[in-house]
Amino acid sequence: MGAWTLDDIPWQDFDRARLDPELVRLAKAASLVEYNGGAYAHHLCLMFGDDAEFQADARRWGREEIQHGEALARWALLADPEFDFAAAFARFQAGYQVDFDSPRSRRGSRAGEMIARCIVETGTSCYYTALREAAAEPVLREICRHIAADELRHYRLFYKTLGRCLARERLGKWARLRVALGRIAESEDDELAYAYFAANRDGPAYDRRRCSRAYARRAFALYRRDHVERMVAMVLKAIGLKPNGRLGRILSVVAWRTMRLRAGRLARAAA
């Protein structure tokens, strides 16, 4: 496990007067996705069936993801005493289903899977940093501080494992780029949208487009330029490209402008 537990969170400092209802909705959704990490850990252990060292790392990673979900769920209950995490998680599992019992990676190889995991950890470490900096409520800030640090450490774990995989597999930079872009595109799939729906009971029935836009409108508003620059650098590093060179600077500008453009469109549509 990480260097913290739920007992290290200063729950007694919870300040209802400093709550932001928009962040409460995001935290509820995040609690479901994080808590589902145990299932992903099971999938990784099957994928690396002959690698006891990585299996131990994957199980530890899964336990830490579950703890993230527990911390966010406990905070969400303080923020909204009517929040039923167990019922919300059951809705999420029923509506968003992935074959976690398969030993095969959707990325075609173990190296591809590690690139995809690096992309995910890139997103989560920057997301929780942005969420912490946007929050005024002190307990949520502390939870996000711990989670962001964990997610950065998880990135390093998967990046290290990627190096081991690449020593045995042929996966050039273009192939690695395709995997990375594919995983980035999947951020628009049902996982986050359905988690938002299941956690917040957003409407009588799941509407992917509506829920995806509702989630994205709130999430994109959190990011600042430095968060996006850090994301781009971490993605380039996973692909095998220089993270802080001219390409990185150009992509950071493009990514930042694209995100702000979309955030503005979503805000105007909601208004």
Protein backbone atom coordinates (compact mmCIF):
# COMPACT_ATOMS: atom_id res chain seq x y z
CA MET A 1 0.00 0.00 0.00
CA GLY A 2 0.99 3.62 -0.19
CA ALA A 3 2.35 5.61 2.71
CA TRP A 4 -1.14 6.62 3.86
CA THR A 5 -4.39 5.07 5.04
CA LEU A 6 -7.92 6.36 5.56
CA ASP A 7 -6.99 7.09 9.17
CA ASP A 8 -4.46 9.66 7.94
CA ILE A 9 -7.18 11.82 6.38
CA PRO A 10 -8.28 14.69 8.69
CA TRP A 11 -11.98 13.91 8.44
CA GLN A 12 -12.67 16.16 11.44
CA ASP A 13 -11.67 19.17 9.30
CA PHE A 14 -14.53 18.70 6.85
CA ASP A 15 -16.04 22.11 6.09
CA ARG A 16 -19.50 22.02 4.53
CA ALA A 17 -19.44 25.78 3.98
CA ARG A 18 -16.61 25.36 1.48
CA LEU A 19 -18.27 22.69 -0.66
CA ASP A 20 -18.60 23.09 -4.41
CA PRO A 21 -21.58 21.01 -5.66
CA GLU A 22 -19.90 20.56 -9.04
CA LEU A 23 -16.85 18.95 -7.40
CA VAL A 24 -19.08 16.73 -5.28
CA ARG A 25 -20.53 15.26 -8.47
CA LEU A 26 -17.06 14.65 -9.88
CA ALA A 27 -15.83 13.04 -6.65
CA LYS A 28 -18.78 10.66 -6.59
CA ALA A 29 -18.04 9.51 -10.13
CA ALA A 30 -14.32 9.17 -9.40
CA SER A 31 -15.02 6.99 -6.35
CA LEU A 32 -16.63 4.35 -8.59
CA VAL A 33 -13.87 4.31 -11.19
CA GLU A 34 -11.13 4.13 -8.56
CA TYR A 35 -12.85 1.40 -6.56
CA ASN A 36 -13.05 -0.71 -9.72
CA GLY A 37 -9.25 -0.86 -9.79
CA GLY A 38 -9.28 -4.28 -8.15
CA ALA A 39 -10.88 -5.76 -11.26
CA TYR A 40 -8.21 -4.22 -13.48
CA ALA A 41 -5.51 -5.61 -11.20
CA HIS A 42 -7.00 -9.09 -11.65
CA HIS A 43 -6.86 -8.61 -15.42
CA LEU A 44 -3.21 -7.53 -15.27
CA CYS A 45 -2.27 -10.54 -13.15
CA LEU A 46 -3.81 -12.87 -15.75
CA MET A 47 -1.97 -11.02 -18.50
CA PHE A 48 1.37 -11.38 -16.67
CA GLY A 49 0.74 -14.94 -15.51
CA ASP A 50 4.43 -15.87 -15.60
CA ASP A 51 5.71 -12.72 -13.88
CA ALA A 52 5.34 -13.06 -10.10
CA GLU A 53 7.13 -9.75 -9.45
CA PHE A 54 4.72 -7.74 -11.58
CA GLN A 55 1.72 -9.65 -10.23
CA ALA A 56 2.67 -8.53 -6.71
CA ASP A 57 3.01 -4.95 -7.97
CA ALA A 58 -0.35 -5.15 -9.77
CA ARG A 59 -2.13 -6.45 -6.68
CA ARG A 60 -0.63 -3.66 -4.58
CA TRP A 61 -1.68 -1.14 -7.24
CA GLY A 62 -5.21 -2.56 -7.18
CA ARG A 63 -5.43 -2.25 -3.40
CA GLU A 64 -4.31 1.36 -3.59
CA GLU A 65 -6.90 2.13 -6.27
CA ILE A 66 -9.59 0.61 -4.06
CA GLN A 67 -8.41 2.79 -1.18
CA HIS A 68 -8.74 5.84 -3.43
CA GLY A 69 -12.33 4.88 -4.11
CA GLU A 70 -13.03 4.35 -0.42
CA ALA A 71 -11.58 7.74 0.51
CA LEU A 72 -13.56 9.58 -2.16
CA ALA A 73 -16.74 7.70 -1.26
CA ARG A 74 -16.38 8.53 2.42
CA TRP A 75 -15.86 12.20 1.58
CA ALA A 76 -18.84 12.16 -0.80
CA LEU A 77 -21.01 10.79 1.99
CA LEU A 78 -19.97 13.69 4.21
CA ALA A 79 -20.81 16.09 1.41
CA ASP A 80 -24.09 14.36 0.57
CA PRO A 81 -25.48 12.12 3.35
CA GLU A 82 -27.92 10.61 0.83
CA PHE A 83 -25.11 9.23 -1.34
CA ASP A 84 -25.32 5.42 -1.37
CA PHE A 85 -21.92 4.26 -2.61
CA ALA A 86 -22.77 0.55 -2.60
CA ALA A 87 -25.87 1.09 -4.72
CA ALA A 88 -24.02 3.45 -7.07
CA PHE A 89 -21.16 0.99 -7.53
CA ALA A 90 -23.62 -1.82 -8.25
CA ARG A 91 -25.24 0.36 -10.94
CA PHE A 92 -21.81 1.11 -12.40
CA GLN A 93 -20.78 -2.54 -12.55
CA ALA A 94 -24.09 -3.54 -14.10
CA GLY A 95 -23.91 -0.87 -16.78
CA TYR A 96 -20.20 -0.77 -17.59
CA GLN A 97 -18.82 -4.24 -18.21
CA VAL A 98 -15.35 -5.26 -19.36
CA ASP A 99 -13.95 -8.80 -19.65
CA PHE A 100 -11.54 -8.67 -16.75
CA ASP A 101 -11.15 -12.47 -16.81
CA SER A 102 -9.27 -12.42 -20.12
CA PRO A 103 -5.49 -12.92 -20.12
CA ARG A 104 -5.21 -11.05 -23.43
CA SER A 105 -4.51 -7.34 -23.68
CA ARG A 106 -6.75 -5.18 -25.83
CA ARG A 107 -3.52 -3.44 -26.89
CA GLY A 108 -2.06 -6.52 -28.58
CA SER A 109 0.93 -7.00 -26.30
CA ARG A 110 2.18 -6.53 -22.77
CA ALA A 111 4.20 -3.50 -23.85
CA GLY A 112 1.08 -2.01 -25.42
CA GLU A 113 -0.82 -2.61 -22.19
CA MET A 114 1.85 -0.82 -20.16
CA ILE A 115 1.72 2.17 -22.51
CA ALA A 116 -2.04 2.30 -22.02
CA ARG A 117 -1.62 2.12 -18.26
CA CYS A 118 0.93 4.96 -18.40
CA ILE A 119 -1.61 7.07 -20.30
CA VAL A 120 -4.26 6.37 -17.66
CA GLU A 121 -1.92 7.23 -14.79
CA THR A 122 -0.87 10.39 -16.62
CA GLY A 123 -4.49 11.47 -16.77
CA THR A 124 -5.33 10.60 -13.19
CA SER A 125 -2.24 12.16 -11.60
CA CYS A 126 -2.91 15.45 -13.41
CA TYR A 127 -6.66 15.25 -12.83
CA TYR A 128 -6.36 14.89 -9.06
CA THR A 129 -3.77 17.65 -8.97
CA ALA A 130 -6.21 19.91 -10.81
CA LEU A 131 -9.09 18.82 -8.59
CA ARG A 132 -7.07 19.55 -5.45
CA GLU A 133 -6.14 23.01 -6.65
CA ALA A 134 -9.74 23.79 -7.62
CA ALA A 135 -11.23 22.61 -4.32
CA ALA A 136 -11.72 24.85 -1.31
CA GLU A 137 -12.90 22.08 1.03
CA PRO A 138 -9.80 21.03 3.03
CA VAL A 139 -10.51 17.30 3.36
CA LEU A 140 -11.05 16.85 -0.37
CA ARG A 141 -7.81 18.74 -0.99
CA GLU A 142 -5.93 16.35 1.28
CA ILE A 143 -7.46 13.25 -0.31
CA CYS A 144 -6.58 14.50 -3.78
CA ARG A 145 -3.04 15.30 -2.70
CA HIS A 146 -2.53 11.70 -1.60
CA ILE A 147 -4.18 10.22 -4.68
CA ALA A 148 -2.23 12.40 -7.12
CA ALA A 149 1.04 11.30 -5.52
CA ASP A 150 -0.02 7.65 -5.72
CA GLU A 151 -0.97 7.96 -9.38
CA LEU A 152 2.40 9.48 -10.25
CA ARG A 153 4.10 6.57 -8.51
CA HIS A 154 1.86 4.18 -10.44
CA TYR A 155 2.97 5.81 -13.69
CA ARG A 156 6.57 5.13 -12.73
CA LEU A 157 5.72 1.48 -11.98
CA PHE A 158 4.09 0.94 -15.37
CA TYR A 159 6.81 2.88 -17.18
CA LYS A 160 9.48 0.69 -15.55
CA THR A 161 7.55 -2.44 -16.52
CA LEU A 162 7.19 -1.07 -20.06
CA GLY A 163 10.98 -0.96 -20.30
CA ARG A 164 11.17 -4.62 -19.31
CA CYS A 165 8.52 -5.52 -21.88
CA LEU A 166 10.23 -3.59 -24.67
CA ALA A 167 13.42 -5.55 -24.04
CA ARG A 168 11.51 -8.65 -25.23
CA GLU A 169 8.94 -7.22 -27.66
CA ARG A 170 9.30 -5.29 -30.90
CA LEU A 171 7.17 -2.20 -30.57
CA GLY A 172 8.44 0.87 -32.38
CA LYS A 173 7.60 4.47 -31.60
CA TRP A 174 4.85 4.66 -34.22
CA ALA A 175 3.18 1.57 -32.79
CA ARG A 176 3.52 3.02 -29.30
CA LEU A 177 2.01 6.28 -30.54
CA ARG A 178 -1.00 4.41 -31.96
CA VAL A 179 -1.59 2.68 -28.63
CA ALA A 180 -1.31 5.97 -26.75
CA LEU A 181 -3.68 7.80 -29.08
CA GLY A 182 -6.12 4.91 -28.91
CA ARG A 183 -6.15 4.99 -25.11
CA ILE A 184 -6.56 8.76 -25.06
CA ALA A 185 -9.54 8.41 -27.39
CA GLU A 186 -11.06 5.88 -25.00
CA SER A 187 -11.44 8.63 -22.40
CA GLU A 188 -14.56 9.44 -24.41
CA ASP A 189 -15.97 5.93 -23.97
CA ASP A 190 -18.57 4.78 -21.45
CA GLU A 191 -16.41 4.36 -18.33
CA LEU A 192 -16.35 7.96 -17.09
CA ALA A 193 -19.74 8.84 -18.55
CA TYR A 194 -21.42 5.82 -16.98
CA ALA A 195 -19.66 6.40 -13.66
CA TYR A 196 -21.02 9.94 -13.68
CA PHE A 197 -24.51 8.62 -14.44
CA ALA A 198 -24.37 5.84 -11.82
CA ALA A 199 -22.96 8.05 -9.07
CA ASN A 200 -25.23 11.03 -9.58
CA ARG A 201 -28.41 9.36 -10.88
CA ASP A 202 -28.14 11.71 -13.84
CA GLY A 203 -31.49 11.19 -15.53
CA PRO A 204 -33.97 8.29 -15.62
CA ALA A 205 -31.88 6.38 -18.19
CA TYR A 206 -28.28 6.41 -19.36
CA ASP A 207 -27.64 8.75 -22.29
CA ARG A 208 -23.98 8.45 -23.26
CA ARG A 209 -23.72 11.77 -25.06
CA ARG A 210 -25.49 13.74 -22.34
CA CYS A 211 -23.56 12.12 -19.48
CA SER A 212 -20.23 12.39 -21.29
CA ARG A 213 -20.80 16.09 -21.90
CA ALA A 214 -21.96 16.66 -18.31
CA TYR A 215 -18.83 15.01 -16.96
CA ALA A 216 -16.45 16.67 -19.42
CA ARG A 217 -17.89 20.14 -18.83
CA ARG A 218 -17.09 19.90 -15.14
CA ALA A 219 -13.75 18.11 -15.51
CA PHE A 220 -12.27 20.30 -18.27
CA ALA A 221 -12.99 23.42 -16.24
CA LEU A 222 -10.47 22.26 -13.62
CA TYR A 223 -7.37 22.25 -15.80
CA ARG A 224 -4.75 24.95 -16.09
CA ARG A 225 -2.04 25.19 -18.68
CA ASP A 226 0.65 23.67 -16.45
CA HIS A 227 -1.50 20.58 -15.92
CA VAL A 228 -1.81 20.08 -19.67
CA GLU A 229 1.92 20.64 -20.24
CA ARG A 230 2.69 17.98 -17.66
CA MET A 231 0.27 15.54 -19.30
CA VAL A 232 1.83 16.02 -22.71
CA ALA A 233 5.34 15.48 -21.32
CA MET A 234 4.34 12.24 -19.57
CA VAL A 235 2.59 10.90 -22.67
CA LEU A 236 5.60 11.65 -24.87
CA LYS A 237 7.88 9.91 -22.39
CA ALA A 238 5.74 6.77 -22.49
CA ILE A 239 5.85 6.79 -26.30
CA GLY A 240 9.63 7.10 -26.26
CA LEU A 241 9.88 10.70 -27.47
CA LYS A 242 11.67 13.62 -25.84
CA PRO A 243 9.16 15.03 -23.32
CA ASN A 244 10.53 18.58 -23.05
CA GLY A 245 11.69 19.32 -26.58
CA ARG A 246 10.23 21.44 -29.36
CA LEU A 247 7.60 18.82 -30.20
CA GLY A 248 6.45 18.78 -26.61
CA ARG A 249 6.09 22.55 -26.55
CA ILE A 250 4.07 22.56 -29.75
CA LEU A 251 1.80 19.74 -28.63
CA SER A 252 1.28 21.42 -25.25
CA VAL A 253 0.03 24.58 -26.96
CA VAL A 254 -2.26 22.59 -29.26
CA ALA A 255 -3.60 20.45 -26.41
CA TRP A 256 -4.22 23.47 -24.18
CA ARG A 257 -6.03 25.44 -26.86
CA THR A 258 -8.09 22.41 -27.85
CA MET A 259 -9.11 21.78 -24.26
CA ARG A 260 -10.06 25.41 -23.64
CA LEU A 261 -12.04 25.51 -26.89
CA ARG A 262 -13.99 22.41 -25.95
CA ALA A 263 -14.49 23.55 -22.36
CA GLY A 264 -15.94 26.82 -23.66
CA ARG A 265 -18.29 25.05 -26.04
CA LEU A 266 -19.54 22.72 -23.32
CA ALA A 267 -20.09 25.63 -20.93
CA ARG A 268 -22.04 27.60 -23.56
CA ALA A 269 -24.15 24.58 -24.43
CA ALA A 270 -25.01 24.01 -20.77
CA ALA A 271 -25.95 27.68 -20.34
